[in-house]
Amino acid sequence: MSRLSLKSDRELSRKLHISYKLLEKIRSGALTISPSMLLWMAECAQTSIEELRSVLGERRSRARMHTVKMT
């Protein structure tokens, strides 16, 4: 939130154009971040998806088949 100069989750939810309740569910782990939400968050934060994933602790890309090179 500091990167966006936001002081609260309510401000963050307004910046992302999502409800505060949805943001609470994402923070609590009750709801996963969709690929489209991840892209929108990266655009709002003016950062790469890879950097955002590392900040969020996202590790799914390591286990996906599209990252494995077949020979």
C-alpha atoms as a PDB file:
ATOM      1  CA  MET A   1       0.000   0.000   0.000  1.00  0.00           C
ATOM      2  CA  SER A   2       2.894   2.359   0.609  1.00  0.00           C
ATOM      3  CA  ARG A   3       3.887   2.134  -3.070  1.00  0.00           C
ATOM      4  CA  LEU A   4       0.457   3.515  -3.954  1.00  0.00           C
ATOM      5  CA  SER A   5       0.517   6.090  -1.131  1.00  0.00           C
ATOM      6  CA  LEU A   6      -2.589   4.562   0.416  1.00  0.00           C
ATOM      7  CA  LYS A   7      -3.299   4.532   4.126  1.00  0.00           C
ATOM      8  CA  SER A   8      -6.049   1.935   4.471  1.00  0.00           C
ATOM      9  CA  ASP A   9      -7.635  -1.109   2.878  1.00  0.00           C
ATOM     10  CA  ARG A  10     -10.694   0.994   2.079  1.00  0.00           C
ATOM     11  CA  GLU A  11      -8.537   3.296  -0.057  1.00  0.00           C
ATOM     12  CA  LEU A  12      -6.940   0.265  -1.699  1.00  0.00           C
ATOM     13  CA  SER A  13     -10.329  -1.251  -2.511  1.00  0.00           C
ATOM     14  CA  ARG A  14     -11.420   2.017  -4.130  1.00  0.00           C
ATOM     15  CA  LYS A  15      -8.175   2.156  -6.157  1.00  0.00           C
ATOM     16  CA  LEU A  16      -8.719  -1.414  -7.384  1.00  0.00           C
ATOM     17  CA  HIS A  17     -12.431  -0.829  -8.004  1.00  0.00           C
ATOM     18  CA  ILE A  18     -13.427  -3.766  -5.811  1.00  0.00           C
ATOM     19  CA  SER A  19     -15.537  -3.932  -2.684  1.00  0.00           C
ATOM     20  CA  TYR A  20     -13.935  -3.736   0.722  1.00  0.00           C
ATOM     21  CA  LYS A  21     -15.510  -7.127   1.581  1.00  0.00           C
ATOM     22  CA  LEU A  22     -13.821  -8.722  -1.428  1.00  0.00           C
ATOM     23  CA  LEU A  23     -10.473  -7.283  -0.366  1.00  0.00           C
ATOM     24  CA  GLU A  24     -11.006  -8.692   3.145  1.00  0.00           C
ATOM     25  CA  LYS A  25     -11.642 -12.162   1.672  1.00  0.00           C
ATOM     26  CA  ILE A  26      -8.462 -11.957  -0.402  1.00  0.00           C
ATOM     27  CA  ARG A  27      -6.423 -10.816   2.615  1.00  0.00           C
ATOM     28  CA  SER A  28      -7.803 -13.590   4.837  1.00  0.00           C
ATOM     29  CA  GLY A  29      -7.049 -16.257   2.228  1.00  0.00           C
ATOM     30  CA  ALA A  30     -10.721 -17.168   1.802  1.00  0.00           C
ATOM     31  CA  LEU A  31     -10.535 -16.083  -1.847  1.00  0.00           C
ATOM     32  CA  THR A  32      -7.653 -16.504  -4.260  1.00  0.00           C
ATOM     33  CA  ILE A  33      -6.543 -13.757  -6.600  1.00  0.00           C
ATOM     34  CA  SER A  34      -7.696 -14.391 -10.149  1.00  0.00           C
ATOM     35  CA  PRO A  35      -5.305 -13.823 -13.054  1.00  0.00           C
ATOM     36  CA  SER A  36      -7.312 -10.793 -14.178  1.00  0.00           C
ATOM     37  CA  MET A  37      -7.201  -9.332 -10.648  1.00  0.00           C
ATOM     38  CA  LEU A  38      -3.449  -9.933 -10.504  1.00  0.00           C
ATOM     39  CA  LEU A  39      -3.025  -8.092 -13.799  1.00  0.00           C
ATOM     40  CA  TRP A  40      -5.188  -5.190 -12.600  1.00  0.00           C
ATOM     41  CA  MET A  41      -3.239  -4.974  -9.332  1.00  0.00           C
ATOM     42  CA  ALA A  42       0.068  -4.888 -11.227  1.00  0.00           C
ATOM     43  CA  GLU A  43      -1.220  -2.106 -13.474  1.00  0.00           C
ATOM     44  CA  CYS A  44      -2.468  -0.063 -10.504  1.00  0.00           C
ATOM     45  CA  ALA A  45       0.838  -0.511  -8.663  1.00  0.00           C
ATOM     46  CA  GLN A  46       2.827   0.187 -11.850  1.00  0.00           C
ATOM     47  CA  THR A  47       4.876  -2.958 -11.369  1.00  0.00           C
ATOM     48  CA  SER A  48       5.411  -6.271 -13.133  1.00  0.00           C
ATOM     49  CA  ILE A  49       3.295  -9.317 -12.397  1.00  0.00           C
ATOM     50  CA  GLU A  50       6.442 -11.195 -11.361  1.00  0.00           C
ATOM     51  CA  GLU A  51       7.330  -8.542  -8.789  1.00  0.00           C
ATOM     52  CA  LEU A  52       3.772  -8.466  -7.490  1.00  0.00           C
ATOM     53  CA  ARG A  53       3.738 -12.263  -7.185  1.00  0.00           C
ATOM     54  CA  SER A  54       6.922 -12.174  -5.127  1.00  0.00           C
ATOM     55  CA  VAL A  55       5.444  -9.507  -2.834  1.00  0.00           C
ATOM     56  CA  LEU A  56       2.259 -11.557  -2.425  1.00  0.00           C
ATOM     57  CA  GLY A  57       4.138 -14.831  -1.921  1.00  0.00           C
ATOM     58  CA  GLU A  58       2.751 -16.248  -5.159  1.00  0.00           C
ATOM     59  CA  ARG A  59       4.448 -19.484  -6.206  1.00  0.00           C
ATOM     60  CA  ARG A  60       1.967 -20.965  -8.691  1.00  0.00           C
ATOM     61  CA  SER A  61       4.041 -20.095 -11.755  1.00  0.00           C
ATOM     62  CA  ARG A  62       6.745 -22.560 -10.687  1.00  0.00           C
ATOM     63  CA  ALA A  63       4.366 -25.504 -10.859  1.00  0.00           C
ATOM     64  CA  ARG A  64       2.617 -24.678 -14.135  1.00  0.00           C
ATOM     65  CA  MET A  65       3.376 -26.638 -17.258  1.00  0.00           C
ATOM     66  CA  HIS A  66       3.865 -23.600 -19.473  1.00  0.00           C
ATOM     67  CA  THR A  67       7.028 -22.737 -17.552  1.00  0.00           C
ATOM     68  CA  VAL A  68       8.601 -26.166 -18.143  1.00  0.00           C
ATOM     69  CA  LYS A  69      10.623 -26.456 -21.341  1.00  0.00           C
ATOM     70  CA  MET A  70      10.109 -29.715 -23.161  1.00  0.00           C
ATOM     71  CA  THR A  71      13.061 -31.113 -25.136  1.00  0.00           C
END
